Amino acid sequence: MNWSEISAGATDLFWNVAGHIVADLLVILFIALIGYLSRSRIKALIKSLQFATRMRKNGISNFYNSRQEYVTARAERSLGEYMLRCRRRFLYVGVYLAGATERDRIDSVLSTLLERGCEIELVLLDPDAPRETIRAVERHLAVPNGTLQQLLRHAHDHFCKLRSRLSVAAQNRFAIKLHQEALSSSAMLLDEGESDGRMLVDKIHQAGRDRSFGIEFVLNGDEKGLAEDFARSFKRIAEASH
């Protein structure tokens, strides 16, 4: 027997042993996996998959348990970065666009969107809405009694002044409207009906803004169910505003 025959035999023996080892490891792994996936765990996994499927069918693309998860659970870490995803049309329906407290940053984002040729529509809560409406929203926001009206006036005046400094063409693409609905949530609709259209619904409750949760929807024109219902309800408010 020459050296080449010995070498070939050793190689075959090596791969034969290695194959048996890998096969044994796979069997052990499979048995361990079966042991881990108890009946209850399998049921839980199936329910999770069914839940995810139902959410997708209703257009839900993400869920944020708190404001903190806006930073940790999505690519855009700030409100401004999220708004800059818009390419054609931006619609906000809510209270006073809370992120507008960072005036310089929001102004810069709005200016960038307008430079792109985007249409912008901000639908804010009317400072002169009935007192009962103002109080109801204060309770939802968990802000001190009597403080919301001033925030509303400040936001409205600020955006009007921003609009007045724009070119005529930009002003025609930047609408500021007021509504008088006691909203318990706000929404941002970005490029609705386009392939990358989306909507972020920010739910507000009495624990305050930082503890509120958010739901993100796909709005590419094919969505049905909850996404469609939410979008339609906010657009109705926008259409009825002045």
Protein backbone atom coordinates (compact mmCIF):
# COMPACT_ATOMS: atom_id res chain seq x y z
CA MET A 1 0.00 0.00 0.00
CA ASN A 2 1.49 3.30 -1.07
CA TRP A 3 1.31 6.70 0.70
CA SER A 4 -1.50 8.07 -1.46
CA GLU A 5 -3.71 5.10 -0.60
CA ILE A 6 -2.97 5.53 3.11
CA SER A 7 -3.73 9.26 2.91
CA ALA A 8 -7.02 8.67 1.08
CA GLY A 9 -8.04 6.06 3.64
CA ALA A 10 -7.27 8.42 6.52
CA THR A 11 -9.28 11.20 4.88
CA ASP A 12 -12.27 8.91 4.39
CA LEU A 13 -12.03 7.77 8.01
CA PHE A 14 -11.89 11.38 9.22
CA TRP A 15 -15.00 12.46 7.30
CA ASN A 16 -16.82 9.30 8.33
CA VAL A 17 -16.13 9.96 12.02
CA ALA A 18 -16.93 13.67 11.62
CA GLY A 19 -20.21 12.81 9.91
CA HIS A 20 -21.23 10.54 12.78
CA ILE A 21 -20.29 13.21 15.34
CA VAL A 22 -22.33 15.87 13.55
CA ALA A 23 -25.27 13.49 13.23
CA ASP A 24 -25.08 12.66 16.94
CA LEU A 25 -24.91 16.37 17.83
CA LEU A 26 -27.97 17.09 15.70
CA VAL A 27 -29.88 14.29 17.41
CA ILE A 28 -28.87 15.63 20.84
CA LEU A 29 -29.87 19.16 19.78
CA PHE A 30 -33.22 17.94 18.47
CA ILE A 31 -33.93 16.01 21.67
CA ALA A 32 -32.96 19.05 23.76
CA LEU A 33 -35.19 21.27 21.63
CA ILE A 34 -38.11 18.88 22.05
CA GLY A 35 -37.49 18.89 25.78
CA TYR A 36 -37.41 22.68 25.88
CA LEU A 37 -40.47 23.12 23.72
CA SER A 38 -42.98 21.76 26.15
CA ARG A 39 -46.62 21.68 25.18
CA SER A 40 -47.25 25.03 26.89
CA ARG A 41 -44.28 26.65 25.16
CA ILE A 42 -45.41 25.36 21.77
CA LYS A 43 -48.89 26.76 22.39
CA ALA A 44 -47.39 30.10 23.42
CA LEU A 45 -45.25 30.18 20.26
CA ILE A 46 -48.25 29.41 18.07
CA LYS A 47 -50.29 32.14 19.79
CA SER A 48 -47.45 34.62 19.27
CA LEU A 49 -47.31 33.80 15.56
CA GLN A 50 -51.09 34.09 15.28
CA PHE A 51 -50.96 37.44 17.10
CA ALA A 52 -48.26 38.76 14.77
CA THR A 53 -50.28 37.63 11.75
CA ARG A 54 -53.43 39.37 12.98
CA MET A 55 -51.51 42.59 13.65
CA ARG A 56 -49.97 42.55 10.17
CA LYS A 57 -53.36 41.99 8.57
CA ASN A 58 -54.60 45.14 10.30
CA GLY A 59 -51.62 47.16 9.06
CA ILE A 60 -49.71 47.32 12.34
CA SER A 61 -45.97 47.40 11.70
CA ASN A 62 -44.69 48.22 15.20
CA PHE A 63 -45.82 48.81 18.78
CA TYR A 64 -44.06 51.03 21.31
CA ASN A 65 -44.76 50.38 24.98
CA SER A 66 -43.48 53.80 26.05
CA ARG A 67 -41.87 56.97 24.74
CA GLN A 68 -38.50 55.48 25.63
CA GLU A 69 -39.03 52.75 23.04
CA TYR A 70 -39.27 55.43 20.34
CA VAL A 71 -35.52 55.68 20.92
CA THR A 72 -34.66 52.02 21.47
CA ALA A 73 -37.07 50.18 19.16
CA ARG A 74 -36.88 52.12 15.89
CA ALA A 75 -34.21 53.46 13.60
CA GLU A 76 -35.30 57.11 13.96
CA ARG A 77 -34.31 58.12 17.49
CA SER A 78 -36.03 61.52 17.58
CA LEU A 79 -39.28 63.06 16.43
CA GLY A 80 -37.40 65.11 13.87
CA GLU A 81 -35.69 62.08 12.37
CA TYR A 82 -39.03 60.31 12.14
CA MET A 83 -40.68 63.27 10.40
CA LEU A 84 -37.82 63.41 7.89
CA ARG A 85 -38.90 60.01 6.58
CA CYS A 86 -41.63 61.94 4.79
CA ARG A 87 -41.13 62.58 1.06
CA ARG A 88 -44.43 63.94 -0.23
CA ARG A 89 -47.10 64.71 2.37
CA PHE A 90 -47.07 65.14 6.16
CA LEU A 91 -50.28 65.36 8.19
CA TYR A 92 -50.39 65.85 11.97
CA VAL A 93 -53.71 65.67 13.84
CA GLY A 94 -53.48 66.12 17.57
CA VAL A 95 -53.17 68.64 20.38
CA TYR A 96 -50.20 70.98 19.92
CA LEU A 97 -47.42 68.80 18.43
CA ALA A 98 -45.60 68.28 21.70
CA GLY A 99 -42.25 67.95 19.98
CA ALA A 100 -42.69 71.56 18.93
CA THR A 101 -41.39 72.53 22.36
CA GLU A 102 -38.00 71.95 20.72
CA ARG A 103 -38.76 74.85 18.39
CA ASP A 104 -35.51 75.23 16.50
CA ARG A 105 -35.29 71.52 15.70
CA ILE A 106 -38.90 71.19 14.56
CA ASP A 107 -38.70 74.40 12.51
CA SER A 108 -35.64 73.03 10.75
CA VAL A 109 -37.41 69.74 9.98
CA LEU A 110 -40.49 71.49 8.62
CA SER A 111 -38.30 73.74 6.47
CA THR A 112 -36.44 70.72 5.11
CA LEU A 113 -39.71 68.99 4.22
CA LEU A 114 -40.96 72.10 2.44
CA GLU A 115 -37.68 72.40 0.52
CA ARG A 116 -38.31 68.86 -0.72
CA GLY A 117 -41.66 69.99 -2.05
CA CYS A 118 -43.69 68.21 0.63
CA GLU A 119 -47.18 69.31 1.61
CA ILE A 120 -47.57 69.89 5.36
CA GLU A 121 -50.80 70.09 7.31
CA LEU A 122 -50.82 70.66 11.08
CA VAL A 123 -54.22 70.22 12.73
CA LEU A 124 -53.99 71.50 16.30
CA LEU A 125 -56.48 71.80 19.15
CA ASP A 126 -58.18 75.19 19.10
CA PRO A 127 -57.20 77.32 22.14
CA ASP A 128 -60.76 78.70 22.04
CA ALA A 129 -62.38 75.26 22.16
CA PRO A 130 -65.11 74.84 24.81
CA ARG A 131 -63.78 74.74 28.37
CA GLU A 132 -65.08 71.18 28.82
CA THR A 133 -62.99 70.07 25.85
CA ILE A 134 -59.85 71.76 27.18
CA ARG A 135 -60.30 70.19 30.61
CA ALA A 136 -60.89 66.73 29.14
CA VAL A 137 -57.66 66.92 27.15
CA GLU A 138 -55.76 68.22 30.20
CA ARG A 139 -56.89 65.13 32.09
CA HIS A 140 -55.77 62.87 29.22
CA LEU A 141 -52.39 64.57 29.12
CA ALA A 142 -52.09 64.62 32.91
CA VAL A 143 -51.10 68.31 32.85
CA PRO A 144 -52.10 70.83 35.55
CA ASN A 145 -55.53 72.36 35.30
CA GLY A 146 -55.53 75.65 33.40
CA THR A 147 -52.15 75.20 31.67
CA LEU A 148 -53.11 73.68 28.33
CA GLN A 149 -54.75 76.72 26.76
CA GLN A 150 -51.54 78.75 26.92
CA LEU A 151 -49.57 75.89 25.36
CA LEU A 152 -52.10 75.75 22.53
CA ARG A 153 -51.89 79.49 21.86
CA HIS A 154 -48.10 79.39 21.94
CA ALA A 155 -47.93 76.49 19.48
CA HIS A 156 -50.46 78.04 17.11
CA ASP A 157 -48.77 81.46 17.16
CA HIS A 158 -45.35 79.90 16.67
CA PHE A 159 -46.32 77.91 13.59
CA CYS A 160 -48.19 80.86 12.11
CA LYS A 161 -45.09 83.05 12.49
CA LEU A 162 -42.96 80.31 10.95
CA ARG A 163 -45.33 80.10 7.99
CA SER A 164 -45.32 83.88 7.53
CA ARG A 165 -41.54 83.83 6.98
CA LEU A 166 -41.76 81.34 4.13
CA SER A 167 -41.96 81.99 0.41
CA VAL A 168 -45.42 82.20 -1.14
CA ALA A 169 -44.92 78.80 -2.77
CA ALA A 170 -43.96 77.20 0.56
CA GLN A 171 -46.87 78.90 2.34
CA ASN A 172 -49.26 77.33 -0.15
CA ARG A 173 -47.96 73.89 0.85
CA PHE A 174 -48.08 74.56 4.61
CA ALA A 175 -51.56 74.55 6.19
CA ILE A 176 -52.26 75.24 9.86
CA LYS A 177 -55.74 74.29 11.03
CA LEU A 178 -57.64 74.11 14.31
CA HIS A 179 -60.13 71.54 15.59
CA GLN A 180 -62.27 71.33 18.72
CA GLU A 181 -62.30 67.59 19.38
CA ALA A 182 -61.38 66.15 22.80
CA LEU A 183 -58.79 63.80 21.36
CA SER A 184 -57.33 61.01 23.47
CA SER A 185 -54.65 60.30 20.84
CA SER A 186 -52.75 62.06 18.09
CA ALA A 187 -51.48 60.87 14.74
CA MET A 188 -48.80 61.56 12.17
CA LEU A 189 -49.53 60.39 8.63
CA LEU A 190 -46.50 60.27 6.34
CA ASP A 191 -46.97 59.78 2.60
CA GLU A 192 -50.32 58.03 2.96
CA GLY A 193 -51.16 55.86 -0.03
CA GLU A 194 -47.55 55.62 -1.22
CA SER A 195 -45.55 52.40 -1.14
CA ASP A 196 -43.71 53.61 1.97
CA GLY A 197 -46.68 55.35 3.61
CA ARG A 198 -46.98 55.08 7.38
CA MET A 199 -48.96 56.40 10.35
CA LEU A 200 -47.90 56.74 13.99
CA VAL A 201 -50.78 56.89 16.47
CA ASP A 202 -49.66 58.13 19.86
CA LYS A 203 -52.04 57.08 22.60
CA ILE A 204 -52.31 59.43 25.56
CA HIS A 205 -53.49 58.51 29.03
CA GLN A 206 -53.42 59.96 32.50
CA ALA A 207 -50.01 58.59 33.36
CA GLY A 208 -48.52 61.40 31.26
CA ARG A 209 -46.83 61.59 27.86
CA ASP A 210 -43.67 59.67 28.83
CA ARG A 211 -45.75 56.64 29.83
CA SER A 212 -48.00 56.69 26.78
CA PHE A 213 -47.69 54.06 24.07
CA GLY A 214 -47.61 54.28 20.30
CA ILE A 215 -48.75 52.16 17.37
CA GLU A 216 -47.22 52.40 13.92
CA PHE A 217 -49.23 51.42 10.85
CA VAL A 218 -48.51 50.81 7.20
CA LEU A 219 -50.43 53.24 4.97
CA ASN A 220 -49.51 52.15 1.45
CA GLY A 221 -53.07 52.02 0.12
CA ASP A 222 -53.53 48.27 0.65
CA GLU A 223 -54.19 48.32 4.39
CA LYS A 224 -57.53 47.26 5.81
CA GLY A 225 -59.14 47.01 9.21
CA LEU A 226 -57.69 49.02 12.09
CA ALA A 227 -55.16 50.99 10.02
CA GLU A 228 -57.81 52.11 7.56
CA ASP A 229 -60.27 52.99 10.35
CA PHE A 230 -57.71 55.05 12.27
CA ALA A 231 -56.54 56.92 9.17
CA ARG A 232 -60.09 57.70 8.12
CA SER A 233 -61.05 59.00 11.58
CA PHE A 234 -58.09 61.40 11.78
CA LYS A 235 -58.61 62.62 8.21
CA ARG A 236 -62.24 63.40 9.03
CA ILE A 237 -61.06 65.66 11.86
CA ALA A 238 -58.62 67.37 9.51
CA GLU A 239 -61.27 67.92 6.84
CA ALA A 240 -63.70 69.44 9.36
CA SER A 241 -61.09 71.77 10.87
CA HIS A 242 -60.74 75.46 10.04
